Protein backbone atom coordinates (compact mmCIF):
# COMPACT_ATOMS: atom_id res chain seq x y z
CA MET A 1 0.00 0.00 0.00
CA SER A 2 1.11 3.55 -0.69
CA ILE A 3 2.09 5.34 2.49
CA ILE A 4 1.83 9.11 2.91
CA ASP A 5 4.77 10.32 5.02
CA GLU A 6 7.23 13.22 5.25
CA THR A 7 8.76 12.33 1.86
CA TRP A 8 5.47 12.68 0.01
CA PHE A 9 6.23 16.20 -1.25
CA ASP A 10 9.79 15.26 -2.21
CA GLY A 11 9.79 15.08 -6.01
CA THR A 12 12.94 12.95 -6.02
CA GLN A 13 11.48 10.11 -3.92
CA MET A 14 9.18 7.57 -5.52
CA GLN A 15 6.50 5.63 -3.69
CA SER A 16 8.54 2.45 -3.66
CA ASP A 17 5.59 0.07 -3.80
CA LEU A 18 4.66 1.44 -7.22
CA THR A 19 7.87 0.09 -8.77
CA ALA A 20 7.04 -3.57 -8.12
CA ALA A 21 6.49 -5.71 -11.20
CA CYS A 22 2.85 -6.13 -12.15
CA GLY A 23 3.09 -9.90 -12.64
CA SER A 24 0.56 -9.98 -15.47
CA THR A 25 0.23 -8.74 -19.03
CA PRO A 26 -2.09 -5.75 -19.48
CA SER A 27 -4.92 -6.07 -21.95
CA LEU A 28 -4.86 -2.38 -22.88
CA THR A 29 -2.40 0.46 -23.40
CA GLN A 30 -3.77 3.88 -22.52
CA LEU A 31 -2.01 7.16 -23.32
CA SER A 32 -2.46 10.54 -21.66
CA LEU A 33 -0.85 13.33 -23.71
CA ILE A 34 -0.28 16.72 -22.09
CA ALA A 35 0.42 20.08 -23.72
CA ARG A 36 -0.21 23.73 -22.90
CA ALA A 37 -2.65 26.01 -24.71
CA THR A 38 -3.19 29.73 -24.26
CA ASP A 39 -5.95 29.19 -21.68
CA GLY A 40 -4.64 26.18 -19.76
CA PHE A 41 -3.56 22.58 -20.12
CA LEU A 42 -4.64 20.32 -22.93
CA VAL A 43 -4.96 16.64 -22.02
CA VAL A 44 -6.06 14.11 -24.63
CA GLN A 45 -6.43 10.43 -23.90
CA GLY A 46 -6.61 7.41 -26.15
CA SER A 47 -5.93 3.69 -26.15
CA ASP A 48 -5.51 0.67 -28.39
CA ALA A 49 -9.00 -0.61 -27.55
CA GLY A 50 -10.36 -2.44 -30.58
CA MET A 51 -7.03 -2.15 -32.39
CA THR A 52 -3.86 -4.19 -32.76
CA PRO A 53 -1.99 -3.72 -29.46
CA PHE A 54 0.38 -0.76 -29.57
CA ASP A 55 4.07 -1.45 -30.07
CA ASP A 56 6.93 1.03 -29.74
CA ALA A 57 6.51 2.22 -33.32
CA ASP A 58 2.81 2.98 -32.77
CA ILE A 59 3.47 4.95 -29.58
CA SER A 60 6.37 6.84 -31.18
CA ALA A 61 4.17 7.77 -34.14
CA ILE A 62 1.44 9.06 -31.81
CA PHE A 63 4.00 11.20 -29.95
CA VAL A 64 5.28 12.65 -33.24
CA THR A 65 1.77 13.43 -34.51
CA PHE A 66 0.93 15.07 -31.19
CA ALA A 67 4.10 17.21 -31.19
CA ASP A 68 3.69 18.23 -34.82
CA THR A 69 0.07 19.25 -34.30
CA VAL A 70 0.77 21.23 -31.12
CA SER A 71 3.58 23.10 -32.89
CA GLN A 72 1.23 24.09 -35.72
CA TYR A 73 -1.12 25.85 -33.27
CA PRO A 74 1.12 27.87 -30.92
CA LEU A 75 -1.57 30.46 -30.11
CA ALA A 76 -4.57 28.14 -29.88
CA ASP A 77 -6.89 27.77 -26.91
CA THR A 78 -7.63 24.32 -25.49
CA THR A 79 -10.81 23.82 -27.52
CA THR A 80 -9.11 24.61 -30.83
CA LEU A 81 -6.02 22.58 -29.99
CA ARG A 82 -8.07 19.60 -28.80
CA THR A 83 -10.05 19.55 -32.04
CA ALA A 84 -6.86 19.70 -34.11
CA VAL A 85 -5.07 17.01 -32.10
CA LEU A 86 -7.97 14.57 -32.09
CA ALA A 87 -8.41 15.01 -35.86
CA ALA A 88 -4.70 14.40 -36.43
CA LEU A 89 -4.69 11.28 -34.25
CA ALA A 90 -7.84 9.77 -35.73
CA GLY A 91 -6.97 6.29 -36.93
CA GLN A 92 -3.83 6.05 -34.79
CA TRP A 93 -5.71 5.31 -31.57
CA THR A 94 -9.16 4.99 -30.05
CA ALA A 95 -9.90 8.38 -28.53
CA MET A 96 -11.28 8.47 -24.99
CA SER A 97 -13.65 11.18 -23.89
CA ALA A 98 -12.76 12.91 -20.62
CA THR A 99 -15.55 12.57 -18.08
CA GLY A 100 -13.86 13.70 -14.87
CA THR A 101 -13.93 17.12 -13.27
CA ASN A 102 -10.18 17.40 -13.84
CA PRO A 103 -8.86 17.03 -17.42
CA PHE A 104 -6.07 14.82 -16.05
CA ASP A 105 -8.56 12.33 -14.53
CA GLU A 106 -8.23 8.76 -15.81
CA THR A 107 -10.67 5.86 -15.98
CA VAL A 108 -9.37 2.29 -16.07
CA ASP A 109 -11.75 -0.60 -16.75
CA ALA A 110 -9.29 -3.35 -17.70
CA PRO A 111 -5.74 -4.31 -16.72
CA THR A 112 -3.92 -1.38 -18.31
CA ARG A 113 -0.50 -0.04 -19.14
CA MET A 114 -0.94 3.68 -18.52
CA ILE A 115 1.47 6.06 -20.28
CA PHE A 116 1.80 9.74 -19.35
CA HIS A 117 3.56 12.05 -21.80
CA VAL A 118 4.21 15.79 -21.41
CA HIS A 119 5.03 17.93 -24.44
CA ILE A 120 5.73 21.42 -23.12
CA PRO A 121 9.12 23.01 -23.88
CA GLY A 122 11.32 22.95 -20.78
CA TRP A 123 8.91 20.81 -18.77
CA GLY A 124 9.39 17.22 -17.63
CA PHE A 125 8.32 14.86 -14.86
CA GLU A 126 10.31 14.80 -11.64
CA PRO A 127 11.87 11.46 -10.60
CA ALA A 128 8.88 10.75 -8.33
CA ARG A 129 6.60 11.13 -11.35
CA ILE A 130 3.41 10.05 -9.62
CA LYS A 131 2.27 9.50 -6.04
CA PHE A 132 -1.05 8.51 -4.58
CA LYS A 133 -2.64 10.72 -1.96
CA SER A 134 -4.15 7.92 0.08
CA GLU A 135 -3.45 4.25 0.66
CA THR A 136 -4.11 2.06 -2.35
CA PRO A 137 -4.84 -1.68 -2.39
CA SER A 138 -1.67 -3.74 -2.54
CA GLY A 139 -0.70 -4.46 -6.14
CA GLU A 140 -3.39 -2.26 -7.69
CA PHE A 141 -0.77 0.04 -9.24
CA CYS A 142 2.61 -1.31 -10.26
CA GLY A 143 5.45 -1.22 -12.75
CA LEU A 144 6.28 2.48 -12.40
CA SER A 145 9.17 3.26 -14.74
CA TRP A 146 10.35 5.72 -17.34
CA LEU A 147 8.95 4.77 -20.73
CA THR A 148 11.44 3.09 -23.05
CA LEU A 149 10.80 3.28 -26.80
CA ASN A 150 12.99 1.53 -29.34
CA GLY A 151 15.59 0.90 -26.64
CA ALA A 152 15.87 4.56 -25.56
CA SER A 153 14.59 6.09 -22.34
CA CYS A 154 11.97 8.82 -22.70
CA ALA A 155 12.81 10.36 -19.30
CA PRO A 156 11.79 12.87 -18.12
CA PHE A 157 8.97 13.37 -20.60
CA SER A 158 7.19 10.01 -20.55
CA PHE A 159 6.59 7.32 -17.96
CA GLU A 160 4.37 4.28 -17.53
CA LEU A 161 2.39 2.76 -14.70
CA GLY A 162 0.42 -0.47 -14.56
CA ALA A 163 -3.12 -0.69 -13.22
CA THR A 164 -4.22 -4.25 -12.46
CA CYS A 165 -7.87 -3.16 -12.22
CA GLN A 166 -8.80 -5.42 -9.32
CA GLN A 167 -10.21 -3.06 -6.67
CA GLU A 168 -12.97 -0.62 -7.61
CA GLY A 169 -12.55 2.93 -6.37
CA ASP A 170 -11.44 6.48 -6.99
CA TYR A 171 -7.72 6.93 -6.31
CA PRO A 172 -6.50 10.55 -6.04
CA PHE A 173 -2.92 11.01 -7.13
CA ALA A 174 -0.39 13.72 -7.92
CA LEU A 175 1.75 14.26 -10.99
CA PHE A 176 5.12 15.82 -10.16
CA ILE A 177 6.39 18.10 -12.94
CA GLN A 178 9.53 20.22 -13.08
CA ALA A 179 8.65 23.39 -14.96
CA SER A 180 11.35 25.52 -16.57
CA GLN A 181 11.07 29.30 -16.26
CA ASP A 182 13.08 32.37 -17.26
CA ALA A 183 14.42 30.73 -20.44
CA GLY A 184 15.64 27.75 -18.43
CA ASN A 185 17.53 29.74 -15.83
CA GLN A 186 15.03 28.85 -13.13
CA SER A 187 12.56 26.08 -12.50
CA THR A 188 9.67 25.36 -10.20
CA ARG A 189 7.52 22.39 -9.28
CA VAL A 190 4.02 21.91 -10.58
CA ILE A 191 1.92 19.31 -8.75
CA ILE A 192 -1.28 18.35 -10.55
CA ASP A 193 -3.95 16.55 -8.54
CA PRO A 194 -6.33 14.31 -10.53
CA LYS A 195 -7.66 10.83 -9.79
CA ILE A 196 -7.81 7.40 -11.38
CA LYS A 197 -11.24 5.76 -11.38
CA VAL A 198 -10.91 1.98 -11.40
CA ILE A 199 -13.82 -0.11 -12.66
CA PRO A 200 -12.92 -3.83 -12.62
CA PRO A 201 -14.29 -5.98 -15.49
CA ARG A 202 -17.60 -7.59 -14.65
């Protein structure tokens, strides 16, 4: 179980229980892609539901399409950018509609490999990457690691986490991001607080 203690706000210290191997093969890969628009954060989510399971080439191609589309709309608001990104990614994944109160909220309804990817110049995840704000059932979340694509680490921009989807519930968590400022001369921490809703298969 995740334990909240004095190291919780330390962005260099992972919740160690999250790094344990999942022990099973996920049935789904789910991506959460993060960018910044003029009026806030853009988060789009998609998966390989109903498709051939994603391999490294598929995930790399999605990242490239996402980056290319975001760069084409540097002054867009979230609505405009979302429309452009989802149109560009049509056919590369199965888009997921956000239903939570926070755009970073996730829903998991099958054993899932969850991938988080941030595409904001100068921004990346801190070593802690993700921490849960309350105790979670043992083994529910596992396999925390930096994403590796085609043999190369994607740190600090992309990481993965397994969800075994065994225990129903809402699990609040925090994303730890190191945000560059002043043309890279300074940086600050951004902690984003969404939740993962787990709905085990019936």
